[in-house]
């Protein structure tokens, strides 16, 4: 405790960064389909696999999510960043986002909400609980299916290489490519050769 504090105290706020940036697709029929861009999302549990998204009640997708109780999290690649941003600043009340962005809705295996074909990974989710938190409500959801593009798999071993997806993160109002690998889980205690 001898070091002088050189940290600046900020007002309480969300500083967990970077966050994932995802496109969440919802709706049961083509006339109801919508895409909402979300940064407030994450993992909740491994078994059963669970995640969450947090959505403001005034967003166009909110009543669709609340009524249908299912959605798809579509991971965002570098190539999808501009369309993802567009879906985040335009309302589904005024635009058909699939038509406007040229994204392709495709059927998943479990939920009725569409997956986005161009996304490298699609995560089908069923809402288990909605928790009002303040500005956002959290949709706690079970992951019921995951789909990944064939290009992410090694043709010889079948191993998945998620780094091939060129995923994007979000931090303080900006989109970022994920960087180079700097280690792997457990590397700090791994025996050196």
C-alpha atoms as a PDB file:
ATOM      1  CA  UNK A   1       0.000   0.000   0.000  1.00  0.00           C
ATOM      2  CA  UNK A   2       3.005   2.314  -0.439  1.00  0.00           C
ATOM      3  CA  UNK A   3       2.219   3.202  -4.050  1.00  0.00           C
ATOM      4  CA  UNK A   4       0.490   6.489  -4.713  1.00  0.00           C
ATOM      5  CA  UNK A   5      -2.961   6.133  -6.295  1.00  0.00           C
ATOM      6  CA  UNK A   6      -2.755   7.459  -9.843  1.00  0.00           C
ATOM      7  CA  UNK A   7      -6.193   6.211 -10.845  1.00  0.00           C
ATOM      8  CA  UNK A   8      -9.012   8.593 -11.740  1.00  0.00           C
ATOM      9  CA  UNK A   9     -12.360   7.691 -10.189  1.00  0.00           C
ATOM     10  CA  UNK A  10     -15.276   7.706 -12.605  1.00  0.00           C
ATOM     11  CA  UNK A  11     -18.987   7.627 -11.939  1.00  0.00           C
ATOM     12  CA  UNK A  12     -20.335   4.058 -11.719  1.00  0.00           C
ATOM     13  CA  UNK A  13     -20.936   2.669 -15.180  1.00  0.00           C
ATOM     14  CA  UNK A  14     -20.416  -0.283 -17.476  1.00  0.00           C
ATOM     15  CA  UNK A  15     -16.689  -0.506 -18.067  1.00  0.00           C
ATOM     16  CA  UNK A  16     -16.405  -4.231 -18.779  1.00  0.00           C
ATOM     17  CA  UNK A  17     -14.760  -3.969 -22.173  1.00  0.00           C
ATOM     18  CA  UNK A  18     -14.622  -5.123 -24.836  1.00  0.00           C
ATOM     19  CA  UNK A  19     -18.075  -6.656 -25.169  1.00  0.00           C
ATOM     20  CA  UNK A  20     -19.356  -8.929 -27.890  1.00  0.00           C
ATOM     21  CA  UNK A  21     -21.359  -7.242 -30.592  1.00  0.00           C
ATOM     22  CA  UNK A  22     -24.072  -9.473 -32.002  1.00  0.00           C
ATOM     23  CA  UNK A  23     -27.113  -9.283 -34.210  1.00  0.00           C
ATOM     24  CA  UNK A  24     -30.141 -10.811 -32.521  1.00  0.00           C
ATOM     25  CA  UNK A  25     -32.824 -11.986 -34.913  1.00  0.00           C
ATOM     26  CA  UNK A  26     -36.384 -12.527 -33.745  1.00  0.00           C
ATOM     27  CA  UNK A  27     -39.933 -13.024 -34.956  1.00  0.00           C
ATOM     28  CA  UNK A  28     -41.898 -16.027 -36.185  1.00  0.00           C
ATOM     29  CA  UNK A  29     -42.987 -14.947 -39.660  1.00  0.00           C
ATOM     30  CA  UNK A  30     -41.239 -12.945 -42.396  1.00  0.00           C
ATOM     31  CA  UNK A  31     -43.474  -9.913 -41.792  1.00  0.00           C
ATOM     32  CA  UNK A  32     -42.444  -9.950 -38.101  1.00  0.00           C
ATOM     33  CA  UNK A  33     -38.728 -10.757 -38.538  1.00  0.00           C
ATOM     34  CA  UNK A  34     -36.370  -8.172 -37.084  1.00  0.00           C
ATOM     35  CA  UNK A  35     -32.695  -7.742 -36.266  1.00  0.00           C
ATOM     36  CA  UNK A  36     -31.504  -5.839 -33.205  1.00  0.00           C
ATOM     37  CA  UNK A  37     -27.836  -5.080 -32.556  1.00  0.00           C
ATOM     38  CA  UNK A  38     -26.857  -5.928 -28.980  1.00  0.00           C
ATOM     39  CA  UNK A  39     -23.694  -5.381 -26.947  1.00  0.00           C
ATOM     40  CA  UNK A  40     -25.248  -6.284 -23.582  1.00  0.00           C
ATOM     41  CA  UNK A  41     -25.037 -10.062 -23.895  1.00  0.00           C
ATOM     42  CA  UNK A  42     -23.027 -12.860 -22.426  1.00  0.00           C
ATOM     43  CA  UNK A  43     -22.646 -16.300 -20.920  1.00  0.00           C
ATOM     44  CA  UNK A  44     -24.556 -17.361 -17.800  1.00  0.00           C
ATOM     45  CA  UNK A  45     -24.056 -21.110 -17.365  1.00  0.00           C
ATOM     46  CA  UNK A  46     -22.291 -24.092 -18.943  1.00  0.00           C
ATOM     47  CA  UNK A  47     -24.734 -26.869 -18.103  1.00  0.00           C
ATOM     48  CA  UNK A  48     -27.401 -26.265 -19.160  1.00  0.00           C
ATOM     49  CA  UNK A  49     -25.854 -23.849 -21.650  1.00  0.00           C
ATOM     50  CA  UNK A  50     -27.380 -20.446 -20.920  1.00  0.00           C
ATOM     51  CA  UNK A  51     -26.807 -16.875 -22.034  1.00  0.00           C
ATOM     52  CA  UNK A  52     -28.518 -13.522 -21.802  1.00  0.00           C
ATOM     53  CA  UNK A  53     -29.298 -10.429 -23.810  1.00  0.00           C
ATOM     54  CA  UNK A  54     -30.427  -7.151 -22.265  1.00  0.00           C
ATOM     55  CA  UNK A  55     -32.890  -4.997 -24.209  1.00  0.00           C
ATOM     56  CA  UNK A  56     -34.532  -1.634 -23.563  1.00  0.00           C
ATOM     57  CA  UNK A  57     -38.341  -1.985 -23.372  1.00  0.00           C
ATOM     58  CA  UNK A  58     -38.785   0.838 -25.919  1.00  0.00           C
ATOM     59  CA  UNK A  59     -36.937  -1.065 -28.669  1.00  0.00           C
ATOM     60  CA  UNK A  60     -39.029  -2.437 -31.545  1.00  0.00           C
ATOM     61  CA  UNK A  61     -37.790  -6.005 -30.915  1.00  0.00           C
ATOM     62  CA  UNK A  62     -38.678  -5.974 -27.219  1.00  0.00           C
ATOM     63  CA  UNK A  63     -42.378  -6.985 -27.517  1.00  0.00           C
ATOM     64  CA  UNK A  64     -41.463  -9.603 -30.135  1.00  0.00           C
ATOM     65  CA  UNK A  65     -38.866 -11.123 -27.787  1.00  0.00           C
ATOM     66  CA  UNK A  66     -41.218 -10.946 -24.803  1.00  0.00           C
ATOM     67  CA  UNK A  67     -44.126 -12.577 -26.640  1.00  0.00           C
ATOM     68  CA  UNK A  68     -42.279 -15.180 -28.747  1.00  0.00           C
ATOM     69  CA  UNK A  69     -39.725 -16.060 -26.035  1.00  0.00           C
ATOM     70  CA  UNK A  70     -37.080 -17.126 -28.527  1.00  0.00           C
ATOM     71  CA  UNK A  71     -34.364 -15.561 -30.642  1.00  0.00           C
ATOM     72  CA  UNK A  72     -31.079 -16.242 -32.411  1.00  0.00           C
ATOM     73  CA  UNK A  73     -27.750 -14.662 -31.489  1.00  0.00           C
ATOM     74  CA  UNK A  74     -25.778 -14.184 -34.706  1.00  0.00           C
ATOM     75  CA  UNK A  75     -22.060 -13.536 -34.226  1.00  0.00           C
ATOM     76  CA  UNK A  76     -20.586 -10.668 -36.205  1.00  0.00           C
ATOM     77  CA  UNK A  77     -17.599 -10.982 -38.522  1.00  0.00           C
ATOM     78  CA  UNK A  78     -15.541  -8.093 -39.822  1.00  0.00           C
ATOM     79  CA  UNK A  79     -17.455  -8.324 -43.110  1.00  0.00           C
ATOM     80  CA  UNK A  80     -20.780  -7.821 -41.293  1.00  0.00           C
ATOM     81  CA  UNK A  81     -19.780  -4.831 -39.165  1.00  0.00           C
ATOM     82  CA  UNK A  82     -21.325  -2.090 -41.314  1.00  0.00           C
ATOM     83  CA  UNK A  83     -24.633  -3.946 -41.648  1.00  0.00           C
ATOM     84  CA  UNK A  84     -24.577  -4.687 -37.915  1.00  0.00           C
ATOM     85  CA  UNK A  85     -24.127  -0.991 -37.147  1.00  0.00           C
ATOM     86  CA  UNK A  86     -26.958  -0.095 -39.551  1.00  0.00           C
ATOM     87  CA  UNK A  87     -29.277  -2.549 -37.753  1.00  0.00           C
ATOM     88  CA  UNK A  88     -28.333  -0.868 -34.472  1.00  0.00           C
ATOM     89  CA  UNK A  89     -29.177   2.675 -35.525  1.00  0.00           C
ATOM     90  CA  UNK A  90     -32.318   1.988 -37.578  1.00  0.00           C
ATOM     91  CA  UNK A  91     -35.633   0.838 -36.110  1.00  0.00           C
ATOM     92  CA  UNK A  92     -37.455  -2.261 -37.282  1.00  0.00           C
ATOM     93  CA  UNK A  93     -40.646  -0.205 -36.900  1.00  0.00           C
ATOM     94  CA  UNK A  94     -39.596   1.752 -40.006  1.00  0.00           C
ATOM     95  CA  UNK A  95     -37.398  -0.693 -41.934  1.00  0.00           C
ATOM     96  CA  UNK A  96     -37.349  -4.346 -42.907  1.00  0.00           C
ATOM     97  CA  UNK A  97     -33.751  -4.883 -41.877  1.00  0.00           C
ATOM     98  CA  UNK A  98     -33.286  -8.120 -43.818  1.00  0.00           C
ATOM     99  CA  UNK A  99     -34.328  -6.404 -47.050  1.00  0.00           C
ATOM    100  CA  UNK A 100     -32.457  -3.153 -46.368  1.00  0.00           C
ATOM    101  CA  UNK A 101     -29.164  -4.887 -45.481  1.00  0.00           C
ATOM    102  CA  UNK A 102     -29.365  -7.789 -47.922  1.00  0.00           C
ATOM    103  CA  UNK A 103     -28.984 -10.265 -45.046  1.00  0.00           C
ATOM    104  CA  UNK A 104     -30.619 -13.641 -45.588  1.00  0.00           C
ATOM    105  CA  UNK A 105     -33.042 -15.164 -43.055  1.00  0.00           C
ATOM    106  CA  UNK A 106     -32.770 -18.960 -42.861  1.00  0.00           C
ATOM    107  CA  UNK A 107     -34.534 -21.535 -40.730  1.00  0.00           C
ATOM    108  CA  UNK A 108     -32.820 -22.927 -37.692  1.00  0.00           C
ATOM    109  CA  UNK A 109     -33.385 -26.357 -36.219  1.00  0.00           C
ATOM    110  CA  UNK A 110     -35.324 -25.527 -33.029  1.00  0.00           C
ATOM    111  CA  UNK A 111     -36.700 -21.979 -32.767  1.00  0.00           C
ATOM    112  CA  UNK A 112     -38.963 -20.191 -35.235  1.00  0.00           C
ATOM    113  CA  UNK A 113     -36.868 -17.010 -35.205  1.00  0.00           C
ATOM    114  CA  UNK A 114     -34.660 -16.781 -38.296  1.00  0.00           C
ATOM    115  CA  UNK A 115     -30.908 -17.249 -38.320  1.00  0.00           C
ATOM    116  CA  UNK A 116     -28.781 -14.864 -40.397  1.00  0.00           C
ATOM    117  CA  UNK A 117     -27.128 -16.916 -43.153  1.00  0.00           C
ATOM    118  CA  UNK A 118     -24.137 -14.564 -43.499  1.00  0.00           C
ATOM    119  CA  UNK A 119     -23.222 -14.848 -39.806  1.00  0.00           C
ATOM    120  CA  UNK A 120     -20.405 -17.345 -39.118  1.00  0.00           C
ATOM    121  CA  UNK A 121     -22.086 -18.687 -35.962  1.00  0.00           C
ATOM    122  CA  UNK A 122     -25.783 -18.755 -35.014  1.00  0.00           C
ATOM    123  CA  UNK A 123     -26.969 -19.544 -31.477  1.00  0.00           C
ATOM    124  CA  UNK A 124     -30.636 -20.516 -31.091  1.00  0.00           C
ATOM    125  CA  UNK A 125     -32.074 -19.451 -27.719  1.00  0.00           C
ATOM    126  CA  UNK A 126     -35.272 -19.999 -25.737  1.00  0.00           C
ATOM    127  CA  UNK A 127     -36.138 -17.417 -23.065  1.00  0.00           C
ATOM    128  CA  UNK A 128     -36.485 -18.876 -19.568  1.00  0.00           C
ATOM    129  CA  UNK A 129     -36.939 -15.674 -17.580  1.00  0.00           C
ATOM    130  CA  UNK A 130     -37.187 -11.917 -18.151  1.00  0.00           C
ATOM    131  CA  UNK A 131     -35.748  -9.797 -15.351  1.00  0.00           C
ATOM    132  CA  UNK A 132     -36.437  -6.025 -15.258  1.00  0.00           C
ATOM    133  CA  UNK A 133     -33.204  -4.308 -14.251  1.00  0.00           C
ATOM    134  CA  UNK A 134     -33.701  -0.578 -14.897  1.00  0.00           C
ATOM    135  CA  UNK A 135     -33.021   0.814 -18.359  1.00  0.00           C
ATOM    136  CA  UNK A 136     -32.847  -2.746 -19.736  1.00  0.00           C
ATOM    137  CA  UNK A 137     -34.617  -6.048 -19.138  1.00  0.00           C
ATOM    138  CA  UNK A 138     -32.458  -9.169 -19.132  1.00  0.00           C
ATOM    139  CA  UNK A 139     -33.682 -12.134 -21.178  1.00  0.00           C
ATOM    140  CA  UNK A 140     -32.115 -15.184 -19.489  1.00  0.00           C
ATOM    141  CA  UNK A 141     -32.148 -17.918 -22.112  1.00  0.00           C
ATOM    142  CA  UNK A 142     -31.189 -21.520 -22.725  1.00  0.00           C
ATOM    143  CA  UNK A 143     -29.057 -22.258 -25.772  1.00  0.00           C
ATOM    144  CA  UNK A 144     -30.909 -24.993 -27.657  1.00  0.00           C
ATOM    145  CA  UNK A 145     -28.816 -25.233 -30.852  1.00  0.00           C
ATOM    146  CA  UNK A 146     -25.622 -23.816 -32.338  1.00  0.00           C
ATOM    147  CA  UNK A 147     -24.749 -23.638 -36.047  1.00  0.00           C
ATOM    148  CA  UNK A 148     -21.295 -22.810 -37.436  1.00  0.00           C
ATOM    149  CA  UNK A 149     -20.190 -22.201 -40.993  1.00  0.00           C
ATOM    150  CA  UNK A 150     -18.297 -25.072 -42.638  1.00  0.00           C
ATOM    151  CA  UNK A 151     -15.375 -22.706 -43.365  1.00  0.00           C
ATOM    152  CA  UNK A 152     -14.556 -22.672 -39.620  1.00  0.00           C
ATOM    153  CA  UNK A 153     -13.699 -26.373 -39.509  1.00  0.00           C
ATOM    154  CA  UNK A 154     -10.410 -28.110 -40.335  1.00  0.00           C
ATOM    155  CA  UNK A 155     -11.069 -30.442 -43.257  1.00  0.00           C
ATOM    156  CA  UNK A 156      -8.696 -33.129 -41.917  1.00  0.00           C
ATOM    157  CA  UNK A 157      -9.315 -33.100 -38.162  1.00  0.00           C
ATOM    158  CA  UNK A 158     -12.809 -31.616 -37.970  1.00  0.00           C
ATOM    159  CA  UNK A 159     -11.572 -29.181 -35.284  1.00  0.00           C
ATOM    160  CA  UNK A 160     -13.349 -25.846 -35.131  1.00  0.00           C
ATOM    161  CA  UNK A 161     -11.203 -22.724 -35.618  1.00  0.00           C
ATOM    162  CA  UNK A 162     -13.355 -19.833 -34.418  1.00  0.00           C
ATOM    163  CA  UNK A 163     -10.525 -17.402 -35.164  1.00  0.00           C
ATOM    164  CA  UNK A 164     -11.312 -17.922 -38.867  1.00  0.00           C
ATOM    165  CA  UNK A 165     -14.617 -16.117 -38.280  1.00  0.00           C
ATOM    166  CA  UNK A 166     -12.857 -12.726 -37.901  1.00  0.00           C
ATOM    167  CA  UNK A 167     -15.176 -11.803 -35.037  1.00  0.00           C
ATOM    168  CA  UNK A 168     -15.727  -8.221 -33.941  1.00  0.00           C
ATOM    169  CA  UNK A 169     -16.019  -6.737 -30.458  1.00  0.00           C
ATOM    170  CA  UNK A 170     -17.381  -3.420 -29.202  1.00  0.00           C
ATOM    171  CA  UNK A 171     -15.687  -1.005 -26.820  1.00  0.00           C
ATOM    172  CA  UNK A 172     -16.649   2.514 -25.810  1.00  0.00           C
ATOM    173  CA  UNK A 173     -18.590   3.296 -28.986  1.00  0.00           C
ATOM    174  CA  UNK A 174     -16.230   1.601 -31.455  1.00  0.00           C
ATOM    175  CA  UNK A 175     -15.991  -1.751 -33.242  1.00  0.00           C
ATOM    176  CA  UNK A 176     -12.731  -3.713 -33.105  1.00  0.00           C
ATOM    177  CA  UNK A 177     -11.336  -6.818 -34.771  1.00  0.00           C
ATOM    178  CA  UNK A 178     -10.196  -9.394 -32.287  1.00  0.00           C
ATOM    179  CA  UNK A 179      -6.406  -9.460 -32.189  1.00  0.00           C
ATOM    180  CA  UNK A 180      -3.791 -12.144 -32.463  1.00  0.00           C
ATOM    181  CA  UNK A 181      -3.676 -15.052 -30.029  1.00  0.00           C
ATOM    182  CA  UNK A 182      -1.435 -14.239 -27.057  1.00  0.00           C
ATOM    183  CA  UNK A 183      -1.938 -17.435 -25.080  1.00  0.00           C
ATOM    184  CA  UNK A 184      -4.333 -20.272 -24.407  1.00  0.00           C
ATOM    185  CA  UNK A 185      -6.192 -21.383 -21.301  1.00  0.00           C
ATOM    186  CA  UNK A 186      -3.668 -22.769 -18.825  1.00  0.00           C
ATOM    187  CA  UNK A 187      -0.556 -21.546 -20.642  1.00  0.00           C
ATOM    188  CA  UNK A 188       0.696 -19.747 -17.528  1.00  0.00           C
ATOM    189  CA  UNK A 189       1.189 -23.048 -15.693  1.00  0.00           C
ATOM    190  CA  UNK A 190       2.017 -25.244 -18.654  1.00  0.00           C
ATOM    191  CA  UNK A 191       5.371 -27.013 -18.474  1.00  0.00           C
ATOM    192  CA  UNK A 192       7.841 -25.335 -20.819  1.00  0.00           C
ATOM    193  CA  UNK A 193       9.553 -27.588 -23.347  1.00  0.00           C
END
